[in-house]
Protein backbone atom coordinates (compact mmCIF):
# COMPACT_ATOMS: atom_id res chain seq x y z
CA MET A 1 -9.49 30.93 -14.07
CA SER A 2 -7.69 27.65 -13.54
CA LEU A 3 -9.55 25.71 -16.24
CA GLN A 4 -8.81 28.57 -18.63
CA SER A 5 -5.09 28.47 -17.80
CA VAL A 6 -5.02 24.73 -18.56
CA GLN A 7 -6.92 25.30 -21.82
CA ALA A 8 -4.47 28.04 -22.83
CA ASP A 9 -1.43 25.94 -21.92
CA LEU A 10 -2.61 22.83 -23.77
CA ALA A 11 -3.77 24.88 -26.78
CA ILE A 12 -0.12 25.84 -27.24
CA ARG A 13 1.73 22.70 -26.14
CA ALA A 14 -0.76 19.94 -27.00
CA PRO A 15 -3.58 21.26 -29.20
CA ASP A 16 -4.69 17.71 -30.03
CA LEU A 17 -5.66 17.00 -26.41
CA VAL A 18 -9.25 17.59 -25.34
CA ILE A 19 -10.18 18.78 -21.87
CA GLU A 20 -13.27 16.85 -20.83
CA VAL A 21 -15.65 18.90 -18.70
CA THR A 22 -18.20 16.71 -16.93
CA ALA A 23 -21.45 17.38 -15.11
CA ASP A 24 -20.32 15.12 -12.27
CA SER A 25 -17.40 16.03 -10.06
CA THR A 26 -14.01 14.45 -10.68
CA ALA A 27 -12.51 15.98 -7.52
CA THR A 28 -11.57 12.67 -5.90
CA VAL A 29 -9.87 9.62 -7.33
CA GLN A 30 -12.96 7.47 -6.72
CA THR A 31 -15.41 9.89 -8.33
CA ALA A 32 -13.08 10.56 -11.27
CA ALA A 33 -12.61 6.82 -11.87
CA ALA A 34 -16.39 6.30 -11.83
CA VAL A 35 -17.06 9.26 -14.15
CA HIS A 36 -14.43 8.09 -16.65
CA ASN A 37 -15.10 4.36 -16.21
CA VAL A 38 -11.45 3.52 -15.49
CA GLU A 39 -9.48 1.95 -12.64
CA PRO A 40 -8.66 4.33 -9.76
CA GLY A 41 -4.96 3.85 -10.54
CA GLN A 42 -5.46 5.44 -13.97
CA ILE A 43 -6.45 8.73 -12.38
CA ALA A 44 -3.16 10.61 -12.37
CA LYS A 45 -3.30 12.63 -9.17
CA THR A 46 -0.99 15.58 -8.72
CA LEU A 47 0.43 16.14 -5.26
CA CYS A 48 1.96 19.47 -4.29
CA ILE A 49 4.76 18.79 -1.81
CA ARG A 50 7.64 20.54 -0.10
CA VAL A 51 10.98 18.86 0.51
CA GLY A 52 13.27 21.06 2.51
CA GLY A 53 12.84 24.47 0.92
CA GLU A 54 11.76 23.22 -2.51
CA VAL A 55 8.17 22.89 -3.68
CA LEU A 56 7.42 20.40 -6.44
CA LEU A 57 4.57 18.54 -8.07
CA LEU A 58 4.45 14.76 -8.00
CA VAL A 59 2.12 13.06 -10.44
CA THR A 60 1.27 9.53 -9.35
CA ARG A 61 -1.37 6.89 -9.86
CA GLY A 62 -4.60 7.65 -8.06
CA ASP A 63 -4.54 4.69 -5.72
CA ALA A 64 -0.88 5.05 -4.66
CA ARG A 65 0.37 6.61 -1.44
CA LEU A 66 3.58 8.45 -0.71
CA ASP A 67 6.05 6.00 0.81
CA ASN A 68 8.32 7.55 3.46
CA GLN A 69 11.40 5.46 2.65
CA LYS A 70 11.05 5.72 -1.13
CA SER A 71 10.25 9.43 -1.10
CA LYS A 72 13.20 10.24 1.18
CA ALA A 73 15.47 8.37 -1.24
CA ALA A 74 13.87 10.01 -4.30
CA PHE A 75 13.84 13.59 -3.00
CA GLY A 76 16.66 13.64 -0.45
CA GLY A 77 14.30 14.44 2.39
CA ARG A 78 10.87 13.87 3.79
CA PRO A 79 8.10 15.39 1.65
CA ARG A 80 5.32 17.39 3.29
CA MET A 81 1.96 18.01 1.65
CA LEU A 82 1.05 21.67 1.18
CA GLY A 83 -2.24 23.05 2.46
CA PRO A 84 -5.10 23.88 0.07
CA GLU A 85 -4.49 27.64 0.10
CA GLU A 86 -0.80 27.32 -0.70
CA VAL A 87 -1.54 24.72 -3.40
CA GLU A 88 -3.97 27.09 -5.09
CA GLN A 89 -1.57 30.03 -4.76
CA LEU A 90 1.32 28.08 -6.37
CA THR A 91 -0.63 26.19 -9.05
CA SER A 92 -3.73 28.36 -9.64
CA HIS A 93 -5.73 25.12 -9.20
CA LYS A 94 -8.04 24.30 -6.31
CA VAL A 95 -7.57 20.94 -4.60
CA GLY A 96 -9.56 18.42 -6.65
CA GLY A 97 -8.47 20.04 -9.91
CA VAL A 98 -4.70 20.21 -9.39
CA CYS A 99 -2.73 19.15 -12.45
CA PRO A 100 0.70 19.78 -13.98
CA PHE A 101 -0.73 22.02 -16.72
CA GLY A 102 -1.52 25.72 -16.84
CA LEU A 103 0.74 26.69 -13.95
CA PRO A 104 1.32 30.40 -13.30
CA GLY A 105 5.06 29.84 -12.91
CA PRO A 106 7.60 27.04 -13.29
CA LEU A 107 7.53 24.26 -10.71
CA PRO A 108 9.61 21.08 -10.82
CA ILE A 109 7.41 18.16 -11.87
CA ARG A 110 8.20 14.53 -11.12
CA LEU A 111 6.29 11.49 -12.30
CA ASP A 112 6.06 8.45 -10.08
CA SER A 113 7.13 5.20 -11.73
CA SER A 114 3.91 3.53 -10.50
CA LEU A 115 2.14 5.21 -13.45
CA LYS A 116 4.17 3.24 -15.98
CA ILE A 117 1.90 0.18 -15.82
CA TYR A 118 -0.86 2.12 -17.61
CA ASP A 119 -1.08 3.13 -21.25
CA LEU A 120 -3.84 5.68 -20.62
CA VAL A 121 -4.05 8.02 -17.62
CA ILE A 122 -6.41 10.84 -16.71
CA PRO A 123 -5.11 13.81 -14.74
CA ALA A 124 -7.35 16.66 -13.65
CA GLY A 125 -7.77 19.64 -15.94
CA GLY A 126 -7.55 22.54 -13.52
CA ASP A 127 -11.11 22.20 -12.23
CA THR A 128 -13.12 19.75 -10.12
CA HIS A 129 -15.15 18.88 -13.23
CA ALA A 130 -12.36 18.77 -15.83
CA SER A 131 -9.94 16.05 -16.90
CA VAL A 132 -7.58 15.18 -19.75
CA ARG A 133 -7.11 11.70 -21.26
CA LEU A 134 -3.64 11.00 -22.54
CA SER A 135 -0.99 8.33 -22.77
CA VAL A 136 1.59 8.00 -20.02
CA ASP A 137 4.27 8.77 -22.60
CA ARG A 138 2.53 12.00 -23.60
CA LEU A 139 2.08 12.98 -19.95
CA ALA A 140 5.80 12.42 -19.39
CA GLU A 141 6.66 14.46 -22.48
CA LEU A 142 4.50 17.40 -21.32
CA CYS A 143 5.85 17.23 -17.76
CA GLY A 144 9.58 17.04 -18.50
CA ASN A 145 10.05 13.26 -18.35
CA GLN A 146 11.55 13.23 -14.83
CA TRP A 147 10.69 9.90 -13.16
CA VAL A 148 11.06 8.93 -9.48
CA ASP A 149 10.08 5.96 -7.32
CA ALA A 150 8.38 7.67 -4.36
CA CYS A 151 4.98 6.01 -3.98
CA GLN A 152 3.59 2.66 -2.96
CA PRO A 153 0.79 1.19 -5.09
CA PRO A 154 -1.93 -0.69 -3.22
CA PRO A 155 -1.23 -4.33 -2.33
CA GLY A 156 -1.64 -6.61 -5.33
CA ALA A 157 -1.32 -3.80 -7.84
């Protein structure tokens, strides 16, 4: 159902975007980067986190990690990752296919500034074999254009 919810959402909000369904899994950053022949950082991973009582989605580059100091400053508290069952309940997407599209209800979405170095990014498409190629600007437009500095890119990136 998750892939279908993403297809329905994008058909309305971004009908020009194509959801790429692949034979090989794109469930991890490394496999997605290999399947799409891009750098791991270009895989836009979506983290489902809780800060205090609020749940939100954070879209960041695939090779970045949440930084405790930065994320506390960005969100006003320490973020905690949600478990797979809660992620699926809140997003309708299984871990490995979580994306900011096709959500069953509104969730705050933040984009990490580490994504800004790329022109093209590839978030999941609601399934472990589905992805969407789009510009960072288009991703920001579709996600509400709310930027934060909460993640640390790998050394040298």
